Amino acid sequence: MLMELLQNRNQLTLPYALLLVVSYVALVLVMMPVHELAHAWAANKLGDNTAYWHGRLRFNPFAHLDPWGTAMIFLFGFGFAKPVPVNPRNFRNPKQGMALTALAGPVSNLLMAAASVGLFRILCALPLSIAVLQYAEIVLIGVFASVNVGLAIFNLIPVPPLDGSKILALVVPSRWIYSMERYSRYITWGIMALLFSGYLDVPLSNARLFVMGFLLRIFGF
């Protein structure tokens, strides 16, 4: 969001800028809790109630939000929340349980993105003014759908501590994942450095545009 405001500061109107800020605030208060709640719900269904006992199996934004991860959403459209505590020993199949629990987060983002596009399709069928539809497109497509898709893609990067590393663990030797997790702190700083420097902008943006195009075609746009 901040990058968009800075890049288009000479063309932006105050109402558009305010709408963008309010949209991102509303998005973060919904998107991040749902993402983490999906992890907690999946783990609970698979036999691990650790998240429940830590108060994470509930829709409460302040139980899930991480200050740095939230700031990254506003800066780059990608970010993270507080990790949901999971005990793989409670799963019947630990590797599979961890992978499904990890996958639940990105899937929830894709479902929220699809719901946003679907809602915009419904609004387009109603007798609304062009101005109202333009504002709806900014909120539902430009913010809610786009950022949810971006977060899903970002979390599927197969390196710790992102969700993709838990999914990757299903198909690679355990020693590889263990080695990666030993250096997870450095990997995290490396990813943040790549984000801040802009080196990930092109691949992540291209992936987001591809998925967004697919969703738009599904709903007839």
C-alpha atoms as a PDB file:
ATOM      1  CA  MET A   1       0.000   0.000   0.000  1.00  0.00           C
ATOM      2  CA  LEU A   2       2.697   2.487   1.012  1.00  0.00           C
ATOM      3  CA  MET A   3       4.638   1.785  -2.173  1.00  0.00           C
ATOM      4  CA  GLU A   4       1.528   2.452  -4.263  1.00  0.00           C
ATOM      5  CA  LEU A   5       0.843   5.704  -2.427  1.00  0.00           C
ATOM      6  CA  LEU A   6       4.417   6.881  -2.945  1.00  0.00           C
ATOM      7  CA  GLN A   7       4.594   5.841  -6.593  1.00  0.00           C
ATOM      8  CA  ASN A   8       1.293   7.569  -7.457  1.00  0.00           C
ATOM      9  CA  ARG A   9       1.419  10.462  -5.003  1.00  0.00           C
ATOM     10  CA  ASN A  10       1.076  13.070  -7.763  1.00  0.00           C
ATOM     11  CA  GLN A  11      -2.063  11.434  -9.178  1.00  0.00           C
ATOM     12  CA  LEU A  12      -3.836  10.287  -6.022  1.00  0.00           C
ATOM     13  CA  THR A  13      -6.864  12.078  -4.641  1.00  0.00           C
ATOM     14  CA  LEU A  14      -7.421  12.314  -0.877  1.00  0.00           C
ATOM     15  CA  PRO A  15     -10.627  10.173  -0.977  1.00  0.00           C
ATOM     16  CA  TYR A  16      -8.760   7.417  -2.874  1.00  0.00           C
ATOM     17  CA  ALA A  17      -5.813   7.493  -0.448  1.00  0.00           C
ATOM     18  CA  LEU A  18      -8.136   7.334   2.569  1.00  0.00           C
ATOM     19  CA  LEU A  19     -10.117   4.494   0.994  1.00  0.00           C
ATOM     20  CA  LEU A  20      -6.891   2.573   0.402  1.00  0.00           C
ATOM     21  CA  VAL A  21      -5.733   3.023   4.006  1.00  0.00           C
ATOM     22  CA  VAL A  22      -9.112   2.029   5.481  1.00  0.00           C
ATOM     23  CA  SER A  23      -9.307  -0.972   3.139  1.00  0.00           C
ATOM     24  CA  TYR A  24      -5.902  -2.242   4.259  1.00  0.00           C
ATOM     25  CA  VAL A  25      -6.764  -1.812   7.926  1.00  0.00           C
ATOM     26  CA  ALA A  26     -10.013  -3.748   7.446  1.00  0.00           C
ATOM     27  CA  LEU A  27      -8.174  -6.377   5.414  1.00  0.00           C
ATOM     28  CA  VAL A  28      -5.511  -6.965   8.069  1.00  0.00           C
ATOM     29  CA  LEU A  29      -8.132  -7.263  10.823  1.00  0.00           C
ATOM     30  CA  VAL A  30      -9.861 -10.014   8.828  1.00  0.00           C
ATOM     31  CA  MET A  31      -7.223 -11.694   6.662  1.00  0.00           C
ATOM     32  CA  MET A  32      -4.486 -12.391   9.192  1.00  0.00           C
ATOM     33  CA  PRO A  33      -6.819 -13.801  11.899  1.00  0.00           C
ATOM     34  CA  VAL A  34      -8.559 -16.049   9.360  1.00  0.00           C
ATOM     35  CA  HIS A  35      -5.199 -17.303   8.054  1.00  0.00           C
ATOM     36  CA  GLU A  36      -3.982 -18.227  11.539  1.00  0.00           C
ATOM     37  CA  LEU A  37      -7.395 -19.521  12.596  1.00  0.00           C
ATOM     38  CA  ALA A  38      -7.277 -21.863   9.587  1.00  0.00           C
ATOM     39  CA  HIS A  39      -3.962 -23.277  10.848  1.00  0.00           C
ATOM     40  CA  ALA A  40      -5.405 -23.719  14.337  1.00  0.00           C
ATOM     41  CA  TRP A  41      -8.638 -25.277  13.044  1.00  0.00           C
ATOM     42  CA  ALA A  42      -6.788 -27.758  10.807  1.00  0.00           C
ATOM     43  CA  ALA A  43      -4.431 -28.801  13.609  1.00  0.00           C
ATOM     44  CA  ASN A  44      -7.359 -29.238  16.000  1.00  0.00           C
ATOM     45  CA  LYS A  45      -9.262 -31.379  13.486  1.00  0.00           C
ATOM     46  CA  LEU A  46      -6.173 -33.539  12.948  1.00  0.00           C
ATOM     47  CA  GLY A  47      -5.813 -34.234  16.669  1.00  0.00           C
ATOM     48  CA  ASP A  48      -3.636 -31.447  18.072  1.00  0.00           C
ATOM     49  CA  ASN A  49      -5.412 -29.002  20.386  1.00  0.00           C
ATOM     50  CA  THR A  50      -2.299 -27.012  21.326  1.00  0.00           C
ATOM     51  CA  ALA A  51      -3.572 -23.926  19.505  1.00  0.00           C
ATOM     52  CA  TYR A  52      -6.884 -24.160  21.354  1.00  0.00           C
ATOM     53  CA  TRP A  53      -5.185 -24.162  24.759  1.00  0.00           C
ATOM     54  CA  HIS A  54      -3.106 -21.141  23.705  1.00  0.00           C
ATOM     55  CA  GLY A  55      -6.225 -19.164  22.793  1.00  0.00           C
ATOM     56  CA  ARG A  56      -5.546 -19.239  19.051  1.00  0.00           C
ATOM     57  CA  LEU A  57      -8.659 -21.118  17.963  1.00  0.00           C
ATOM     58  CA  ARG A  58     -10.729 -17.935  17.903  1.00  0.00           C
ATOM     59  CA  PHE A  59     -11.313 -14.941  15.664  1.00  0.00           C
ATOM     60  CA  ASN A  60      -9.495 -12.250  17.595  1.00  0.00           C
ATOM     61  CA  PRO A  61      -7.138 -10.086  15.523  1.00  0.00           C
ATOM     62  CA  PHE A  62      -4.994  -9.122  18.512  1.00  0.00           C
ATOM     63  CA  ALA A  63      -4.391 -12.770  19.386  1.00  0.00           C
ATOM     64  CA  HIS A  64      -2.836 -13.349  15.966  1.00  0.00           C
ATOM     65  CA  LEU A  65      -1.232 -10.142  14.671  1.00  0.00           C
ATOM     66  CA  ASP A  66       2.520  -9.635  14.685  1.00  0.00           C
ATOM     67  CA  PRO A  67       3.711  -5.986  14.591  1.00  0.00           C
ATOM     68  CA  TRP A  68       6.485  -6.553  12.028  1.00  0.00           C
ATOM     69  CA  GLY A  69       4.415  -8.894   9.877  1.00  0.00           C
ATOM     70  CA  THR A  70       1.517  -6.433   9.867  1.00  0.00           C
ATOM     71  CA  ALA A  71       3.823  -3.568   8.903  1.00  0.00           C
ATOM     72  CA  MET A  72       5.077  -5.649   5.968  1.00  0.00           C
ATOM     73  CA  ILE A  73       1.508  -6.060   4.723  1.00  0.00           C
ATOM     74  CA  PHE A  74       1.155  -2.279   4.552  1.00  0.00           C
ATOM     75  CA  LEU A  75       4.566  -1.885   2.941  1.00  0.00           C
ATOM     76  CA  PHE A  76       4.708  -4.766   0.472  1.00  0.00           C
ATOM     77  CA  GLY A  77       1.371  -6.596   0.463  1.00  0.00           C
ATOM     78  CA  PHE A  78       3.150  -9.646   1.970  1.00  0.00           C
ATOM     79  CA  GLY A  79       3.594 -10.374   5.655  1.00  0.00           C
ATOM     80  CA  PHE A  80       3.069 -12.771   8.510  1.00  0.00           C
ATOM     81  CA  ALA A  81       1.297 -13.183  11.854  1.00  0.00           C
ATOM     82  CA  LYS A  82       2.252 -14.885  15.108  1.00  0.00           C
ATOM     83  CA  PRO A  83       2.907 -18.579  14.396  1.00  0.00           C
ATOM     84  CA  VAL A  84       0.212 -20.915  15.682  1.00  0.00           C
ATOM     85  CA  PRO A  85       1.704 -23.369  18.221  1.00  0.00           C
ATOM     86  CA  VAL A  86       1.501 -26.922  16.902  1.00  0.00           C
ATOM     87  CA  ASN A  87       2.732 -30.168  18.454  1.00  0.00           C
ATOM     88  CA  PRO A  88       3.311 -32.678  15.617  1.00  0.00           C
ATOM     89  CA  ARG A  89       3.497 -35.564  18.098  1.00  0.00           C
ATOM     90  CA  ASN A  90      -0.258 -35.262  18.530  1.00  0.00           C
ATOM     91  CA  PHE A  91      -0.846 -36.112  14.862  1.00  0.00           C
ATOM     92  CA  ARG A  92      -1.349 -39.688  13.737  1.00  0.00           C
ATOM     93  CA  ASN A  93       1.040 -38.925  10.865  1.00  0.00           C
ATOM     94  CA  PRO A  94       3.280 -36.022  11.992  1.00  0.00           C
ATOM     95  CA  LYS A  95       4.630 -35.047   8.558  1.00  0.00           C
ATOM     96  CA  GLN A  96       1.236 -35.185   6.900  1.00  0.00           C
ATOM     97  CA  GLY A  97      -0.434 -33.412   9.810  1.00  0.00           C
ATOM     98  CA  MET A  98       2.081 -30.567   9.703  1.00  0.00           C
ATOM     99  CA  ALA A  99       1.749 -30.254   5.926  1.00  0.00           C
ATOM    100  CA  LEU A 100      -2.058 -30.107   6.020  1.00  0.00           C
ATOM    101  CA  THR A 101      -1.987 -27.654   8.922  1.00  0.00           C
ATOM    102  CA  ALA A 102       0.449 -25.438   7.016  1.00  0.00           C
ATOM    103  CA  LEU A 103      -1.557 -25.676   3.791  1.00  0.00           C
ATOM    104  CA  ALA A 104      -4.752 -24.547   5.541  1.00  0.00           C
ATOM    105  CA  GLY A 105      -3.435 -20.975   5.866  1.00  0.00           C
ATOM    106  CA  PRO A 106      -2.731 -20.267   2.166  1.00  0.00           C
ATOM    107  CA  VAL A 107      -5.928 -22.089   1.178  1.00  0.00           C
ATOM    108  CA  SER A 108      -7.922 -19.772   3.460  1.00  0.00           C
ATOM    109  CA  ASN A 109      -6.341 -16.778   1.700  1.00  0.00           C
ATOM    110  CA  LEU A 110      -7.265 -18.119  -1.729  1.00  0.00           C
ATOM    111  CA  LEU A 111     -10.834 -18.740  -0.552  1.00  0.00           C
ATOM    112  CA  MET A 112     -11.070 -15.181   0.788  1.00  0.00           C
ATOM    113  CA  ALA A 113      -9.721 -13.871  -2.520  1.00  0.00           C
ATOM    114  CA  ALA A 114     -12.296 -15.909  -4.449  1.00  0.00           C
ATOM    115  CA  ALA A 115     -15.070 -14.637  -2.144  1.00  0.00           C
ATOM    116  CA  SER A 116     -13.972 -11.038  -2.782  1.00  0.00           C
ATOM    117  CA  VAL A 117     -14.016 -11.504  -6.563  1.00  0.00           C
ATOM    118  CA  GLY A 118     -17.372 -13.273  -6.336  1.00  0.00           C
ATOM    119  CA  LEU A 119     -18.849 -10.440  -4.272  1.00  0.00           C
ATOM    120  CA  PHE A 120     -17.628  -7.918  -6.844  1.00  0.00           C
ATOM    121  CA  ARG A 121     -19.283  -9.983  -9.602  1.00  0.00           C
ATOM    122  CA  ILE A 122     -22.586  -9.803  -7.676  1.00  0.00           C
ATOM    123  CA  LEU A 123     -22.225  -6.027  -7.260  1.00  0.00           C
ATOM    124  CA  CYS A 124     -21.585  -5.656 -10.985  1.00  0.00           C
ATOM    125  CA  ALA A 125     -24.948  -7.297 -11.660  1.00  0.00           C
ATOM    126  CA  LEU A 126     -26.776  -4.764  -9.475  1.00  0.00           C
ATOM    127  CA  PRO A 127     -27.985  -1.344 -10.683  1.00  0.00           C
ATOM    128  CA  LEU A 128     -25.168   0.586  -9.003  1.00  0.00           C
ATOM    129  CA  SER A 129     -23.471   3.749 -10.184  1.00  0.00           C
ATOM    130  CA  ILE A 130     -20.084   3.646 -11.922  1.00  0.00           C
ATOM    131  CA  ALA A 131     -18.503   5.498  -8.984  1.00  0.00           C
ATOM    132  CA  VAL A 132     -19.716   2.915  -6.465  1.00  0.00           C
ATOM    133  CA  LEU A 133     -18.428   0.061  -8.650  1.00  0.00           C
ATOM    134  CA  GLN A 134     -15.075   1.772  -9.032  1.00  0.00           C
ATOM    135  CA  TYR A 135     -14.693   2.062  -5.266  1.00  0.00           C
ATOM    136  CA  ALA A 136     -15.867  -1.548  -4.851  1.00  0.00           C
ATOM    137  CA  GLU A 137     -13.253  -2.673  -7.374  1.00  0.00           C
ATOM    138  CA  ILE A 138     -10.500  -0.885  -5.462  1.00  0.00           C
ATOM    139  CA  VAL A 139     -11.516  -2.526  -2.169  1.00  0.00           C
ATOM    140  CA  LEU A 140     -12.545  -6.007  -3.299  1.00  0.00           C
ATOM    141  CA  ILE A 141     -10.187  -6.624  -6.225  1.00  0.00           C
ATOM    142  CA  GLY A 142      -7.296  -4.208  -5.735  1.00  0.00           C
ATOM    143  CA  VAL A 143      -6.945  -4.809  -1.999  1.00  0.00           C
ATOM    144  CA  PHE A 144      -8.854  -7.791  -0.569  1.00  0.00           C
ATOM    145  CA  ALA A 145      -8.403 -10.268  -3.435  1.00  0.00           C
ATOM    146  CA  SER A 146      -4.945  -9.124  -4.519  1.00  0.00           C
ATOM    147  CA  VAL A 147      -3.352  -9.059  -1.062  1.00  0.00           C
ATOM    148  CA  ASN A 148      -4.900 -12.402  -0.079  1.00  0.00           C
ATOM    149  CA  VAL A 149      -3.458 -13.984  -3.217  1.00  0.00           C
ATOM    150  CA  GLY A 150      -0.106 -12.336  -2.503  1.00  0.00           C
ATOM    151  CA  LEU A 151      -0.056 -13.636   1.055  1.00  0.00           C
ATOM    152  CA  ALA A 152      -0.930 -17.168  -0.091  1.00  0.00           C
ATOM    153  CA  ILE A 153       1.910 -17.141  -2.627  1.00  0.00           C
ATOM    154  CA  PHE A 154       4.396 -15.637  -0.187  1.00  0.00           C
ATOM    155  CA  ASN A 155       3.595 -18.240   2.481  1.00  0.00           C
ATOM    156  CA  LEU A 156       4.010 -21.075  -0.014  1.00  0.00           C
ATOM    157  CA  ILE A 157       7.692 -20.217  -0.548  1.00  0.00           C
ATOM    158  CA  PRO A 158       9.328 -23.497   0.593  1.00  0.00           C
ATOM    159  CA  VAL A 159      11.727 -22.113   3.199  1.00  0.00           C
ATOM    160  CA  PRO A 160      11.325 -21.895   6.977  1.00  0.00           C
ATOM    161  CA  PRO A 161       9.527 -20.398   8.764  1.00  0.00           C
ATOM    162  CA  LEU A 162       6.985 -20.071   5.938  1.00  0.00           C
ATOM    163  CA  ASP A 163       4.169 -22.596   5.404  1.00  0.00           C
ATOM    164  CA  GLY A 164       5.760 -23.921   2.229  1.00  0.00           C
ATOM    165  CA  SER A 165       8.613 -25.497   4.195  1.00  0.00           C
ATOM    166  CA  LYS A 166       6.153 -27.725   6.097  1.00  0.00           C
ATOM    167  CA  ILE A 167       4.597 -28.840   2.818  1.00  0.00           C
ATOM    168  CA  LEU A 168       8.039 -29.426   1.281  1.00  0.00           C
ATOM    169  CA  ALA A 169       8.866 -31.703   4.232  1.00  0.00           C
ATOM    170  CA  LEU A 170       6.459 -34.272   2.782  1.00  0.00           C
ATOM    171  CA  VAL A 171       8.639 -34.885  -0.268  1.00  0.00           C
ATOM    172  CA  VAL A 172      12.250 -34.239   0.821  1.00  0.00           C
ATOM    173  CA  PRO A 173      14.440 -36.029   3.377  1.00  0.00           C
ATOM    174  CA  SER A 174      13.952 -34.924   6.982  1.00  0.00           C
ATOM    175  CA  ARG A 175      17.626 -34.028   7.328  1.00  0.00           C
ATOM    176  CA  TRP A 176      17.216 -31.340   4.648  1.00  0.00           C
ATOM    177  CA  ILE A 177      14.352 -29.712   6.547  1.00  0.00           C
ATOM    178  CA  TYR A 178      16.256 -29.995   9.829  1.00  0.00           C
ATOM    179  CA  SER A 179      19.265 -28.266   8.263  1.00  0.00           C
ATOM    180  CA  MET A 180      17.060 -25.484   6.892  1.00  0.00           C
ATOM    181  CA  GLU A 181      15.327 -24.982  10.242  1.00  0.00           C
ATOM    182  CA  ARG A 182      18.689 -24.615  11.994  1.00  0.00           C
ATOM    183  CA  TYR A 183      19.253 -21.513   9.890  1.00  0.00           C
ATOM    184  CA  SER A 184      15.628 -20.317   9.834  1.00  0.00           C
ATOM    185  CA  ARG A 185      16.501 -17.037  11.566  1.00  0.00           C
ATOM    186  CA  TYR A 186      19.055 -16.185   8.884  1.00  0.00           C
ATOM    187  CA  ILE A 187      16.686 -17.300   6.135  1.00  0.00           C
ATOM    188  CA  THR A 188      13.998 -15.014   7.567  1.00  0.00           C
ATOM    189  CA  TRP A 189      16.345 -12.038   7.547  1.00  0.00           C
ATOM    190  CA  GLY A 190      17.422 -12.972   4.037  1.00  0.00           C
ATOM    191  CA  ILE A 191      13.828 -12.999   2.784  1.00  0.00           C
ATOM    192  CA  MET A 192      13.153  -9.643   4.417  1.00  0.00           C
ATOM    193  CA  ALA A 193      16.309  -8.214   2.837  1.00  0.00           C
ATOM    194  CA  LEU A 194      15.189  -9.475  -0.584  1.00  0.00           C
ATOM    195  CA  LEU A 195      11.763  -7.901  -0.044  1.00  0.00           C
ATOM    196  CA  PHE A 196      13.172  -4.558   1.050  1.00  0.00           C
ATOM    197  CA  SER A 197      15.638  -4.529  -1.846  1.00  0.00           C
ATOM    198  CA  GLY A 198      12.936  -5.354  -4.375  1.00  0.00           C
ATOM    199  CA  TYR A 199      14.548  -8.537  -5.730  1.00  0.00           C
ATOM    200  CA  LEU A 200      11.400 -10.559  -5.025  1.00  0.00           C
ATOM    201  CA  ASP A 201       9.029  -7.993  -6.532  1.00  0.00           C
ATOM    202  CA  VAL A 202       9.005  -9.413 -10.069  1.00  0.00           C
ATOM    203  CA  PRO A 203       8.561 -13.157  -9.316  1.00  0.00           C
ATOM    204  CA  LEU A 204       5.993 -12.557  -6.571  1.00  0.00           C
ATOM    205  CA  SER A 205       4.070  -9.986  -8.634  1.00  0.00           C
ATOM    206  CA  ASN A 206       4.029 -12.263 -11.694  1.00  0.00           C
ATOM    207  CA  ALA A 207       2.730 -15.159  -9.601  1.00  0.00           C
ATOM    208  CA  ARG A 208       0.067 -12.932  -8.054  1.00  0.00           C
ATOM    209  CA  LEU A 209      -1.024 -11.624 -11.463  1.00  0.00           C
ATOM    210  CA  PHE A 210      -1.289 -15.190 -12.787  1.00  0.00           C
ATOM    211  CA  VAL A 211      -3.500 -16.359  -9.904  1.00  0.00           C
ATOM    212  CA  MET A 212      -5.570 -13.153  -9.983  1.00  0.00           C
ATOM    213  CA  GLY A 213      -6.129 -13.589 -13.718  1.00  0.00           C
ATOM    214  CA  PHE A 214      -7.276 -17.160 -13.113  1.00  0.00           C
ATOM    215  CA  LEU A 215      -9.747 -16.063 -10.415  1.00  0.00           C
ATOM    216  CA  LEU A 216     -11.109 -13.234 -12.563  1.00  0.00           C
ATOM    217  CA  ARG A 217     -11.658 -15.608 -15.494  1.00  0.00           C
ATOM    218  CA  ILE A 218     -13.500 -18.062 -13.226  1.00  0.00           C
ATOM    219  CA  PHE A 219     -15.999 -15.323 -12.350  1.00  0.00           C
ATOM    220  CA  GLY A 220     -16.364 -14.158 -15.941  1.00  0.00           C
ATOM    221  CA  PHE A 221     -14.221 -11.013 -15.925  1.00  0.00           C
END
